């Protein structure tokens, strides 16, 4: 947890706070929302960023963007956030709730990663093997987020405030996915283990368990606020039996893969396309191994945290 603790200590110092509460985490260091984009601009930004994936991927994205595969506008009765659903032998569909913030472009890139995964796997696999399990699906989506970050940091490298804004978006995403989802998984595991050992899972017990883990993951720079029940009772994923850890592993895998593609390592792009086209045709561990990541070894985790540490170093330099 040392890297996430470092981030919160860095932010506390930058904000000039004697005490930093959990609700202070959301205060933006850049001071305002930069890179606001309408839907058309967001599509262009996503195309520009993902151009590194080559003409085959871009052709698929253009079909998605130009043929009404996306319902972008907020609407009454529409579910929140972003969502993608695949339809075999037809095109995938995406639901968004566009707000003109940079975050919406990240959601577009994320859901487009899912859509292109479905698009390429359905073209190359029979129906029974086209759908990828969640362990693989979140790799394709977060891969695009990582590429978008690399693209934006390179494009706006001479603008300090925009770079701070982009980096904070990335850091928040990394912590929210790898650290927070691991915290959730640890909560699940400890709760199930306690129940198996005969402990009654009362609200008070779960409050203490969750609260202690929150403080462990956030670190000494953050002071606890609110009721501890708020840290676990509202999370629907806890009723899905060891579901959340896959978000963390997928982000770590996609960080390793996207870093190789962005740096144009030999064979990295071909390996990634093999992954996209594989769908659910093999065990997830084997599919990822063919893409160049062995999840039975911790090297991919080391690579992911090395990238995260690099981003923290960049932020620290900008804040000096």
C-alpha atoms as a PDB file:
ATOM      1  CA  UNK A   1       0.000   0.000   0.000  1.00  0.00           C
ATOM      2  CA  UNK A   2       3.009   2.329   0.187  1.00  0.00           C
ATOM      3  CA  UNK A   3       2.361   3.865  -3.255  1.00  0.00           C
ATOM      4  CA  UNK A   4      -1.288   4.696  -2.560  1.00  0.00           C
ATOM      5  CA  UNK A   5      -0.332   6.077   0.858  1.00  0.00           C
ATOM      6  CA  UNK A   6       2.304   8.181  -0.890  1.00  0.00           C
ATOM      7  CA  UNK A   7      -0.348   9.613  -3.212  1.00  0.00           C
ATOM      8  CA  UNK A   8      -2.666  10.647  -0.398  1.00  0.00           C
ATOM      9  CA  UNK A   9       0.201  12.201   1.547  1.00  0.00           C
ATOM     10  CA  UNK A  10       1.239  14.066  -1.607  1.00  0.00           C
ATOM     11  CA  UNK A  11      -2.279  15.353  -2.157  1.00  0.00           C
ATOM     12  CA  UNK A  12      -2.695  16.379   1.483  1.00  0.00           C
ATOM     13  CA  UNK A  13       0.496  18.415   1.282  1.00  0.00           C
ATOM     14  CA  UNK A  14      -0.463  19.995  -2.041  1.00  0.00           C
ATOM     15  CA  UNK A  15      -3.885  21.026  -0.707  1.00  0.00           C
ATOM     16  CA  UNK A  16      -2.235  22.496   2.397  1.00  0.00           C
ATOM     17  CA  UNK A  17      -4.436  20.556   4.817  1.00  0.00           C
ATOM     18  CA  UNK A  18      -3.563  19.857   8.433  1.00  0.00           C
ATOM     19  CA  UNK A  19      -6.197  17.119   8.445  1.00  0.00           C
ATOM     20  CA  UNK A  20      -7.372  15.419   5.261  1.00  0.00           C
ATOM     21  CA  UNK A  21     -10.757  13.718   5.454  1.00  0.00           C
ATOM     22  CA  UNK A  22     -12.029  11.093   3.040  1.00  0.00           C
ATOM     23  CA  UNK A  23     -14.272  13.631   1.319  1.00  0.00           C
ATOM     24  CA  UNK A  24     -11.223  15.820   0.567  1.00  0.00           C
ATOM     25  CA  UNK A  25      -9.902  13.128  -1.776  1.00  0.00           C
ATOM     26  CA  UNK A  26     -12.213  14.372  -4.533  1.00  0.00           C
ATOM     27  CA  UNK A  27     -10.862  17.932  -4.575  1.00  0.00           C
ATOM     28  CA  UNK A  28      -9.043  18.304  -7.960  1.00  0.00           C
ATOM     29  CA  UNK A  29      -5.433  19.420  -7.742  1.00  0.00           C
ATOM     30  CA  UNK A  30      -5.580  21.100 -11.160  1.00  0.00           C
ATOM     31  CA  UNK A  31      -8.253  23.470  -9.851  1.00  0.00           C
ATOM     32  CA  UNK A  32     -10.788  22.994 -12.641  1.00  0.00           C
ATOM     33  CA  UNK A  33     -12.106  20.576 -15.245  1.00  0.00           C
ATOM     34  CA  UNK A  34      -9.850  20.594 -18.285  1.00  0.00           C
ATOM     35  CA  UNK A  35     -10.360  18.984 -21.706  1.00  0.00           C
ATOM     36  CA  UNK A  36     -14.124  19.184 -21.702  1.00  0.00           C
ATOM     37  CA  UNK A  37     -15.415  17.530 -24.850  1.00  0.00           C
ATOM     38  CA  UNK A  38     -18.767  17.027 -26.501  1.00  0.00           C
ATOM     39  CA  UNK A  39     -19.603  13.589 -27.869  1.00  0.00           C
ATOM     40  CA  UNK A  40     -18.165  14.271 -31.328  1.00  0.00           C
ATOM     41  CA  UNK A  41     -14.909  15.609 -29.865  1.00  0.00           C
ATOM     42  CA  UNK A  42     -14.732  12.644 -27.503  1.00  0.00           C
ATOM     43  CA  UNK A  43     -15.021  10.218 -30.414  1.00  0.00           C
ATOM     44  CA  UNK A  44     -12.260  12.047 -32.275  1.00  0.00           C
ATOM     45  CA  UNK A  45     -10.013  12.033 -29.203  1.00  0.00           C
ATOM     46  CA  UNK A  46     -10.581   8.295 -28.765  1.00  0.00           C
ATOM     47  CA  UNK A  47      -9.807   7.618 -32.438  1.00  0.00           C
ATOM     48  CA  UNK A  48      -6.628   9.692 -32.272  1.00  0.00           C
ATOM     49  CA  UNK A  49      -5.437   7.940 -29.124  1.00  0.00           C
ATOM     50  CA  UNK A  50      -6.171   4.426 -30.377  1.00  0.00           C
ATOM     51  CA  UNK A  51      -4.697   5.046 -33.804  1.00  0.00           C
ATOM     52  CA  UNK A  52      -1.584   3.264 -32.482  1.00  0.00           C
ATOM     53  CA  UNK A  53      -3.577   0.000 -32.733  1.00  0.00           C
ATOM     54  CA  UNK A  54      -3.612   0.223 -36.530  1.00  0.00           C
ATOM     55  CA  UNK A  55      -6.149   0.345 -39.345  1.00  0.00           C
ATOM     56  CA  UNK A  56      -8.016  -2.872 -38.477  1.00  0.00           C
ATOM     57  CA  UNK A  57      -8.917  -1.611 -34.997  1.00  0.00           C
ATOM     58  CA  UNK A  58      -9.693   1.923 -36.222  1.00  0.00           C
ATOM     59  CA  UNK A  59     -11.978   0.565 -38.952  1.00  0.00           C
ATOM     60  CA  UNK A  60     -13.936  -1.291 -36.286  1.00  0.00           C
ATOM     61  CA  UNK A  61     -14.168   1.838 -34.125  1.00  0.00           C
ATOM     62  CA  UNK A  62     -15.398   3.932 -37.046  1.00  0.00           C
ATOM     63  CA  UNK A  63     -18.163   1.411 -37.677  1.00  0.00           C
ATOM     64  CA  UNK A  64     -19.121   1.706 -34.013  1.00  0.00           C
ATOM     65  CA  UNK A  65     -19.069   5.516 -34.106  1.00  0.00           C
ATOM     66  CA  UNK A  66     -20.790   5.989 -37.474  1.00  0.00           C
ATOM     67  CA  UNK A  67     -23.520   3.352 -37.385  1.00  0.00           C
ATOM     68  CA  UNK A  68     -25.457   4.158 -34.206  1.00  0.00           C
ATOM     69  CA  UNK A  69     -23.968   1.429 -32.055  1.00  0.00           C
ATOM     70  CA  UNK A  70     -23.875   3.975 -29.184  1.00  0.00           C
ATOM     71  CA  UNK A  71     -26.719   5.572 -27.221  1.00  0.00           C
ATOM     72  CA  UNK A  72     -24.809   8.459 -25.666  1.00  0.00           C
ATOM     73  CA  UNK A  73     -27.323  10.909 -24.190  1.00  0.00           C
ATOM     74  CA  UNK A  74     -28.593  10.890 -20.632  1.00  0.00           C
ATOM     75  CA  UNK A  75     -32.269  10.019 -20.510  1.00  0.00           C
ATOM     76  CA  UNK A  76     -35.080   9.414 -18.057  1.00  0.00           C
ATOM     77  CA  UNK A  77     -35.119   5.809 -16.868  1.00  0.00           C
ATOM     78  CA  UNK A  78     -31.711   5.018 -18.324  1.00  0.00           C
ATOM     79  CA  UNK A  79     -29.258   3.126 -16.150  1.00  0.00           C
ATOM     80  CA  UNK A  80     -26.299   5.166 -14.901  1.00  0.00           C
ATOM     81  CA  UNK A  81     -22.689   4.940 -16.057  1.00  0.00           C
ATOM     82  CA  UNK A  82     -21.601   3.075 -19.163  1.00  0.00           C
ATOM     83  CA  UNK A  83     -22.485  -0.386 -20.413  1.00  0.00           C
ATOM     84  CA  UNK A  84     -21.736  -2.618 -23.411  1.00  0.00           C
ATOM     85  CA  UNK A  85     -23.563  -5.705 -24.566  1.00  0.00           C
ATOM     86  CA  UNK A  86     -22.455  -8.029 -27.344  1.00  0.00           C
ATOM     87  CA  UNK A  87     -24.782  -9.711 -29.824  1.00  0.00           C
ATOM     88  CA  UNK A  88     -23.256 -12.598 -31.729  1.00  0.00           C
ATOM     89  CA  UNK A  89     -23.278 -12.240 -35.508  1.00  0.00           C
ATOM     90  CA  UNK A  90     -24.431  -8.638 -35.113  1.00  0.00           C
ATOM     91  CA  UNK A  91     -22.836  -5.474 -33.782  1.00  0.00           C
ATOM     92  CA  UNK A  92     -22.280  -4.739 -30.086  1.00  0.00           C
ATOM     93  CA  UNK A  93     -24.264  -1.935 -28.423  1.00  0.00           C
ATOM     94  CA  UNK A  94     -23.062   0.702 -25.948  1.00  0.00           C
ATOM     95  CA  UNK A  95     -25.017   2.797 -23.446  1.00  0.00           C
ATOM     96  CA  UNK A  96     -23.403   5.993 -22.149  1.00  0.00           C
ATOM     97  CA  UNK A  97     -24.506   8.996 -20.099  1.00  0.00           C
ATOM     98  CA  UNK A  98     -22.476  11.758 -21.735  1.00  0.00           C
ATOM     99  CA  UNK A  99     -21.560  14.815 -19.612  1.00  0.00           C
ATOM    100  CA  UNK A 100     -18.895  16.641 -21.707  1.00  0.00           C
ATOM    101  CA  UNK A 101     -16.276  15.956 -19.029  1.00  0.00           C
ATOM    102  CA  UNK A 102     -13.028  14.154 -19.852  1.00  0.00           C
ATOM    103  CA  UNK A 103     -14.346  11.291 -17.724  1.00  0.00           C
ATOM    104  CA  UNK A 104     -17.015  10.647 -20.381  1.00  0.00           C
ATOM    105  CA  UNK A 105     -14.319  10.206 -23.034  1.00  0.00           C
ATOM    106  CA  UNK A 106     -12.606   7.683 -20.766  1.00  0.00           C
ATOM    107  CA  UNK A 107     -15.910   5.811 -20.407  1.00  0.00           C
ATOM    108  CA  UNK A 108     -16.299   5.872 -24.204  1.00  0.00           C
ATOM    109  CA  UNK A 109     -12.783   4.455 -24.644  1.00  0.00           C
ATOM    110  CA  UNK A 110     -13.485   1.850 -21.940  1.00  0.00           C
ATOM    111  CA  UNK A 111     -16.785   0.639 -23.392  1.00  0.00           C
ATOM    112  CA  UNK A 112     -15.329   0.746 -26.903  1.00  0.00           C
ATOM    113  CA  UNK A 113     -12.653  -1.644 -25.665  1.00  0.00           C
ATOM    114  CA  UNK A 114     -15.419  -4.055 -24.693  1.00  0.00           C
ATOM    115  CA  UNK A 115     -17.166  -3.475 -28.017  1.00  0.00           C
ATOM    116  CA  UNK A 116     -14.060  -4.138 -30.117  1.00  0.00           C
ATOM    117  CA  UNK A 117     -13.311  -7.236 -28.039  1.00  0.00           C
ATOM    118  CA  UNK A 118     -16.811  -8.508 -28.871  1.00  0.00           C
ATOM    119  CA  UNK A 119     -16.503  -7.377 -32.481  1.00  0.00           C
ATOM    120  CA  UNK A 120     -13.228  -9.183 -33.183  1.00  0.00           C
ATOM    121  CA  UNK A 121     -14.020 -12.308 -31.161  1.00  0.00           C
ATOM    122  CA  UNK A 122     -17.388 -12.783 -32.874  1.00  0.00           C
ATOM    123  CA  UNK A 123     -15.675 -12.524 -36.260  1.00  0.00           C
ATOM    124  CA  UNK A 124     -13.134 -15.179 -35.331  1.00  0.00           C
ATOM    125  CA  UNK A 125     -14.940 -17.575 -32.984  1.00  0.00           C
ATOM    126  CA  UNK A 126     -18.087 -19.715 -33.095  1.00  0.00           C
ATOM    127  CA  UNK A 127     -20.929 -18.499 -30.912  1.00  0.00           C
ATOM    128  CA  UNK A 128     -20.081 -20.781 -27.993  1.00  0.00           C
ATOM    129  CA  UNK A 129     -16.572 -19.298 -27.720  1.00  0.00           C
ATOM    130  CA  UNK A 130     -17.268 -15.673 -28.647  1.00  0.00           C
ATOM    131  CA  UNK A 131     -18.016 -14.272 -25.197  1.00  0.00           C
ATOM    132  CA  UNK A 132     -14.977 -13.631 -23.028  1.00  0.00           C
ATOM    133  CA  UNK A 133     -15.277 -14.143 -19.247  1.00  0.00           C
ATOM    134  CA  UNK A 134     -14.990 -11.088 -16.984  1.00  0.00           C
ATOM    135  CA  UNK A 135     -11.376 -12.032 -16.156  1.00  0.00           C
ATOM    136  CA  UNK A 136     -10.514 -11.202 -19.795  1.00  0.00           C
ATOM    137  CA  UNK A 137     -13.211  -8.678 -20.700  1.00  0.00           C
ATOM    138  CA  UNK A 138     -11.963  -5.948 -18.368  1.00  0.00           C
ATOM    139  CA  UNK A 139      -8.490  -6.215 -19.914  1.00  0.00           C
ATOM    140  CA  UNK A 140      -9.757  -4.962 -23.291  1.00  0.00           C
ATOM    141  CA  UNK A 141     -11.612  -2.015 -21.737  1.00  0.00           C
ATOM    142  CA  UNK A 142      -8.944  -0.768 -19.334  1.00  0.00           C
ATOM    143  CA  UNK A 143      -6.294  -1.263 -22.026  1.00  0.00           C
ATOM    144  CA  UNK A 144      -7.969   1.573 -23.950  1.00  0.00           C
ATOM    145  CA  UNK A 145      -8.017   3.787 -20.863  1.00  0.00           C
ATOM    146  CA  UNK A 146      -4.281   3.309 -20.414  1.00  0.00           C
ATOM    147  CA  UNK A 147      -3.585   4.122 -24.075  1.00  0.00           C
ATOM    148  CA  UNK A 148      -5.754   7.250 -23.809  1.00  0.00           C
ATOM    149  CA  UNK A 149      -3.728   8.386 -20.791  1.00  0.00           C
ATOM    150  CA  UNK A 150      -0.435   7.845 -22.619  1.00  0.00           C
ATOM    151  CA  UNK A 151      -1.751   9.770 -25.614  1.00  0.00           C
ATOM    152  CA  UNK A 152      -3.018  12.739 -23.595  1.00  0.00           C
ATOM    153  CA  UNK A 153       0.115  13.012 -21.457  1.00  0.00           C
ATOM    154  CA  UNK A 154       2.229  13.088 -24.605  1.00  0.00           C
ATOM    155  CA  UNK A 155      -0.019  15.588 -26.377  1.00  0.00           C
ATOM    156  CA  UNK A 156      -0.214  18.016 -23.433  1.00  0.00           C
ATOM    157  CA  UNK A 157       3.272  17.477 -22.021  1.00  0.00           C
ATOM    158  CA  UNK A 158       4.017  21.215 -22.223  1.00  0.00           C
ATOM    159  CA  UNK A 159       0.928  22.229 -20.215  1.00  0.00           C
ATOM    160  CA  UNK A 160       1.483  21.777 -16.493  1.00  0.00           C
ATOM    161  CA  UNK A 161      -2.103  22.155 -15.271  1.00  0.00           C
ATOM    162  CA  UNK A 162      -3.588  19.869 -17.919  1.00  0.00           C
ATOM    163  CA  UNK A 163      -0.890  17.285 -17.208  1.00  0.00           C
ATOM    164  CA  UNK A 164      -1.762  17.407 -13.498  1.00  0.00           C
ATOM    165  CA  UNK A 165      -5.433  16.945 -14.404  1.00  0.00           C
ATOM    166  CA  UNK A 166      -4.731  13.931 -16.630  1.00  0.00           C
ATOM    167  CA  UNK A 167      -2.383  12.340 -14.120  1.00  0.00           C
ATOM    168  CA  UNK A 168      -4.872  12.707 -11.292  1.00  0.00           C
ATOM    169  CA  UNK A 169      -7.548  11.070 -13.460  1.00  0.00           C
ATOM    170  CA  UNK A 170      -5.164   8.153 -14.072  1.00  0.00           C
ATOM    171  CA  UNK A 171      -4.021   7.859 -10.451  1.00  0.00           C
ATOM    172  CA  UNK A 172      -7.606   7.927  -9.195  1.00  0.00           C
ATOM    173  CA  UNK A 173      -8.528   5.205 -11.687  1.00  0.00           C
ATOM    174  CA  UNK A 174      -5.568   3.021 -10.748  1.00  0.00           C
ATOM    175  CA  UNK A 175      -6.261   3.283  -7.026  1.00  0.00           C
ATOM    176  CA  UNK A 176     -10.013   2.868  -7.509  1.00  0.00           C
ATOM    177  CA  UNK A 177      -9.510  -0.279  -9.546  1.00  0.00           C
ATOM    178  CA  UNK A 178      -6.441  -2.051  -8.220  1.00  0.00           C
ATOM    179  CA  UNK A 179      -6.350  -0.940  -4.587  1.00  0.00           C
ATOM    180  CA  UNK A 180     -10.050  -0.457  -3.860  1.00  0.00           C
ATOM    181  CA  UNK A 181     -11.184  -3.641  -5.596  1.00  0.00           C
ATOM    182  CA  UNK A 182      -8.462  -5.582  -3.766  1.00  0.00           C
ATOM    183  CA  UNK A 183      -9.705  -4.010  -0.526  1.00  0.00           C
ATOM    184  CA  UNK A 184     -13.200  -5.224  -1.423  1.00  0.00           C
ATOM    185  CA  UNK A 185     -11.885  -8.710  -2.202  1.00  0.00           C
ATOM    186  CA  UNK A 186     -10.052  -8.835   1.124  1.00  0.00           C
ATOM    187  CA  UNK A 187     -13.254  -7.793   2.905  1.00  0.00           C
ATOM    188  CA  UNK A 188     -15.165 -10.589   1.150  1.00  0.00           C
ATOM    189  CA  UNK A 189     -12.547 -13.166   1.963  1.00  0.00           C
ATOM    190  CA  UNK A 190     -12.245 -12.232   5.623  1.00  0.00           C
ATOM    191  CA  UNK A 191     -16.043 -12.166   6.021  1.00  0.00           C
ATOM    192  CA  UNK A 192     -16.482 -15.607   4.441  1.00  0.00           C
ATOM    193  CA  UNK A 193     -13.581 -17.037   6.431  1.00  0.00           C
ATOM    194  CA  UNK A 194     -15.030 -15.687   9.681  1.00  0.00           C
ATOM    195  CA  UNK A 195     -18.440 -17.176   8.877  1.00  0.00           C
ATOM    196  CA  UNK A 196     -16.878 -20.561   8.103  1.00  0.00           C
ATOM    197  CA  UNK A 197     -15.135 -20.435  11.468  1.00  0.00           C
ATOM    198  CA  UNK A 198     -18.430 -19.927  13.256  1.00  0.00           C
ATOM    199  CA  UNK A 199     -18.562 -16.142  13.610  1.00  0.00           C
ATOM    200  CA  UNK A 200     -21.975 -14.526  13.199  1.00  0.00           C
ATOM    201  CA  UNK A 201     -21.801 -11.826  10.521  1.00  0.00           C
ATOM    202  CA  UNK A 202     -23.555  -9.026  12.342  1.00  0.00           C
ATOM    203  CA  UNK A 203     -23.589  -5.455  11.041  1.00  0.00           C
ATOM    204  CA  UNK A 204     -21.271  -4.436  13.875  1.00  0.00           C
ATOM    205  CA  UNK A 205     -18.760  -7.137  12.923  1.00  0.00           C
ATOM    206  CA  UNK A 206     -18.846  -6.174   9.240  1.00  0.00           C
ATOM    207  CA  UNK A 207     -18.578  -2.474  10.157  1.00  0.00           C
ATOM    208  CA  UNK A 208     -15.381  -3.103  12.091  1.00  0.00           C
ATOM    209  CA  UNK A 209     -13.940  -5.409   9.441  1.00  0.00           C
ATOM    210  CA  UNK A 210     -14.649  -2.974   6.617  1.00  0.00           C
ATOM    211  CA  UNK A 211     -13.580   0.109   8.582  1.00  0.00           C
ATOM    212  CA  UNK A 212     -10.244  -1.411   9.543  1.00  0.00           C
ATOM    213  CA  UNK A 213      -9.573  -2.314   5.891  1.00  0.00           C
ATOM    214  CA  UNK A 214     -10.541   1.179   4.703  1.00  0.00           C
ATOM    215  CA  UNK A 215      -8.004   2.715   7.074  1.00  0.00           C
ATOM    216  CA  UNK A 216      -5.398   0.143   6.060  1.00  0.00           C
ATOM    217  CA  UNK A 217      -5.764   0.930   2.348  1.00  0.00           C
ATOM    218  CA  UNK A 218      -6.152   4.713   2.605  1.00  0.00           C
ATOM    219  CA  UNK A 219      -3.271   5.088   5.052  1.00  0.00           C
ATOM    220  CA  UNK A 220      -2.303   7.570   7.753  1.00  0.00           C
ATOM    221  CA  UNK A 221      -2.821  10.713   5.649  1.00  0.00           C
ATOM    222  CA  UNK A 222      -6.622  10.194   5.520  1.00  0.00           C
ATOM    223  CA  UNK A 223      -8.965  10.626   8.482  1.00  0.00           C
ATOM    224  CA  UNK A 224     -12.025   8.390   8.563  1.00  0.00           C
ATOM    225  CA  UNK A 225     -15.434  10.044   8.098  1.00  0.00           C
ATOM    226  CA  UNK A 226     -19.043   8.906   7.973  1.00  0.00           C
ATOM    227  CA  UNK A 227     -20.424   5.685   9.365  1.00  0.00           C
ATOM    228  CA  UNK A 228     -18.550   2.460   8.751  1.00  0.00           C
ATOM    229  CA  UNK A 229     -21.693   0.821   7.377  1.00  0.00           C
ATOM    230  CA  UNK A 230     -21.366   3.125   4.355  1.00  0.00           C
ATOM    231  CA  UNK A 231     -18.141   1.377   3.453  1.00  0.00           C
ATOM    232  CA  UNK A 232     -19.713  -1.998   2.694  1.00  0.00           C
ATOM    233  CA  UNK A 233     -23.517  -2.139   2.828  1.00  0.00           C
ATOM    234  CA  UNK A 234     -24.102  -0.284  -0.450  1.00  0.00           C
ATOM    235  CA  UNK A 235     -21.701  -2.356  -2.608  1.00  0.00           C
ATOM    236  CA  UNK A 236     -23.737  -4.787  -4.793  1.00  0.00           C
ATOM    237  CA  UNK A 237     -20.608  -6.671  -5.882  1.00  0.00           C
ATOM    238  CA  UNK A 238     -20.374  -8.297  -2.459  1.00  0.00           C
ATOM    239  CA  UNK A 239     -23.341 -10.449  -3.383  1.00  0.00           C
ATOM    240  CA  UNK A 240     -21.556 -11.874  -6.440  1.00  0.00           C
ATOM    241  CA  UNK A 241     -19.079 -14.198  -4.676  1.00  0.00           C
ATOM    242  CA  UNK A 242     -15.456 -13.226  -5.299  1.00  0.00           C
ATOM    243  CA  UNK A 243     -16.228 -11.089  -8.327  1.00  0.00           C
ATOM    244  CA  UNK A 244     -14.362  -7.844  -7.627  1.00  0.00           C
ATOM    245  CA  UNK A 245     -10.756  -9.105  -7.625  1.00  0.00           C
ATOM    246  CA  UNK A 246     -10.972  -9.542 -11.395  1.00  0.00           C
ATOM    247  CA  UNK A 247     -11.114  -5.777 -11.887  1.00  0.00           C
ATOM    248  CA  UNK A 248      -7.741  -5.484 -10.163  1.00  0.00           C
ATOM    249  CA  UNK A 249      -6.061  -8.307 -12.075  1.00  0.00           C
ATOM    250  CA  UNK A 250      -7.476  -7.051 -15.386  1.00  0.00           C
ATOM    251  CA  UNK A 251      -6.180  -3.502 -14.865  1.00  0.00           C
ATOM    252  CA  UNK A 252      -2.746  -4.848 -13.945  1.00  0.00           C
ATOM    253  CA  UNK A 253      -2.698  -7.075 -17.041  1.00  0.00           C
ATOM    254  CA  UNK A 254      -3.874  -4.265 -19.324  1.00  0.00           C
ATOM    255  CA  UNK A 255      -1.232  -1.928 -17.887  1.00  0.00           C
ATOM    256  CA  UNK A 256       1.497  -4.393 -18.815  1.00  0.00           C
ATOM    257  CA  UNK A 257       0.040  -5.005 -22.298  1.00  0.00           C
ATOM    258  CA  UNK A 258      -0.721  -1.365 -23.133  1.00  0.00           C
ATOM    259  CA  UNK A 259       2.720  -0.261 -21.984  1.00  0.00           C
ATOM    260  CA  UNK A 260       4.296  -2.701 -24.447  1.00  0.00           C
ATOM    261  CA  UNK A 261       2.040  -1.604 -27.303  1.00  0.00           C
ATOM    262  CA  UNK A 262       2.559   2.107 -26.562  1.00  0.00           C
ATOM    263  CA  UNK A 263       6.330   1.585 -26.563  1.00  0.00           C
ATOM    264  CA  UNK A 264       6.000  -0.417 -29.803  1.00  0.00           C
ATOM    265  CA  UNK A 265       7.734  -3.531 -28.512  1.00  0.00           C
ATOM    266  CA  UNK A 266       8.204  -6.244 -31.120  1.00  0.00           C
ATOM    267  CA  UNK A 267       5.177  -8.509 -31.399  1.00  0.00           C
ATOM    268  CA  UNK A 268       3.149  -6.636 -28.749  1.00  0.00           C
ATOM    269  CA  UNK A 269       0.405  -5.431 -31.097  1.00  0.00           C
ATOM    270  CA  UNK A 270       0.057  -8.815 -32.828  1.00  0.00           C
ATOM    271  CA  UNK A 271      -0.182 -10.518 -29.440  1.00  0.00           C
ATOM    272  CA  UNK A 272      -2.877  -8.082 -28.371  1.00  0.00           C
ATOM    273  CA  UNK A 273      -4.940  -8.740 -31.496  1.00  0.00           C
ATOM    274  CA  UNK A 274      -4.639 -12.475 -30.886  1.00  0.00           C
ATOM    275  CA  UNK A 275      -6.096 -11.807 -27.435  1.00  0.00           C
ATOM    276  CA  UNK A 276      -9.001  -9.761 -28.841  1.00  0.00           C
ATOM    277  CA  UNK A 277      -9.839 -12.440 -31.395  1.00  0.00           C
ATOM    278  CA  UNK A 278      -9.624 -15.343 -28.943  1.00  0.00           C
ATOM    279  CA  UNK A 279     -12.834 -14.499 -27.034  1.00  0.00           C
ATOM    280  CA  UNK A 280     -13.551 -17.369 -24.638  1.00  0.00           C
ATOM    281  CA  UNK A 281     -11.971 -20.076 -26.777  1.00  0.00           C
ATOM    282  CA  UNK A 282      -9.430 -21.103 -24.134  1.00  0.00           C
ATOM    283  CA  UNK A 283      -8.918 -20.886 -20.390  1.00  0.00           C
ATOM    284  CA  UNK A 284      -8.288 -17.226 -19.446  1.00  0.00           C
ATOM    285  CA  UNK A 285      -4.814 -18.015 -18.097  1.00  0.00           C
ATOM    286  CA  UNK A 286      -3.850 -19.571 -21.434  1.00  0.00           C
ATOM    287  CA  UNK A 287      -5.343 -16.735 -23.479  1.00  0.00           C
ATOM    288  CA  UNK A 288      -3.376 -14.154 -21.508  1.00  0.00           C
ATOM    289  CA  UNK A 289      -0.207 -16.215 -21.747  1.00  0.00           C
ATOM    290  CA  UNK A 290      -0.514 -16.134 -25.545  1.00  0.00           C
ATOM    291  CA  UNK A 291      -0.912 -12.365 -25.312  1.00  0.00           C
ATOM    292  CA  UNK A 292       2.350 -12.159 -23.412  1.00  0.00           C
ATOM    293  CA  UNK A 293       1.254 -12.061 -19.765  1.00  0.00           C
ATOM    294  CA  UNK A 294       1.660 -14.991 -17.382  1.00  0.00           C
ATOM    295  CA  UNK A 295      -0.756 -14.362 -14.507  1.00  0.00           C
ATOM    296  CA  UNK A 296       0.664 -17.308 -12.575  1.00  0.00           C
ATOM    297  CA  UNK A 297       3.793 -15.179 -12.095  1.00  0.00           C
ATOM    298  CA  UNK A 298       3.908 -11.769 -10.401  1.00  0.00           C
ATOM    299  CA  UNK A 299       5.962 -10.051 -13.107  1.00  0.00           C
ATOM    300  CA  UNK A 300       2.892  -8.398 -14.657  1.00  0.00           C
ATOM    301  CA  UNK A 301       2.025  -6.931 -11.258  1.00  0.00           C
ATOM    302  CA  UNK A 302       5.533  -5.528 -10.895  1.00  0.00           C
ATOM    303  CA  UNK A 303       5.220  -3.941 -14.330  1.00  0.00           C
ATOM    304  CA  UNK A 304       1.848  -2.385 -13.465  1.00  0.00           C
ATOM    305  CA  UNK A 305       3.070  -0.900 -10.190  1.00  0.00           C
ATOM    306  CA  UNK A 306       6.222   0.369 -11.913  1.00  0.00           C
ATOM    307  CA  UNK A 307       4.005   2.347 -14.303  1.00  0.00           C
ATOM    308  CA  UNK A 308       1.945   3.638 -11.359  1.00  0.00           C
ATOM    309  CA  UNK A 309       5.094   4.713  -9.519  1.00  0.00           C
ATOM    310  CA  UNK A 310       6.279   6.496 -12.668  1.00  0.00           C
ATOM    311  CA  UNK A 311       3.009   8.443 -12.764  1.00  0.00           C
ATOM    312  CA  UNK A 312       3.400   9.400  -9.102  1.00  0.00           C
ATOM    313  CA  UNK A 313       6.932  10.625  -9.830  1.00  0.00           C
ATOM    314  CA  UNK A 314       5.598  12.718 -12.714  1.00  0.00           C
ATOM    315  CA  UNK A 315       2.893  14.209 -10.507  1.00  0.00           C
ATOM    316  CA  UNK A 316       5.343  14.973  -7.723  1.00  0.00           C
ATOM    317  CA  UNK A 317       7.622  16.810 -10.155  1.00  0.00           C
ATOM    318  CA  UNK A 318       4.704  18.871 -11.496  1.00  0.00           C
ATOM    319  CA  UNK A 319       3.541  19.815  -8.000  1.00  0.00           C
ATOM    320  CA  UNK A 320       6.924  21.116  -6.849  1.00  0.00           C
END
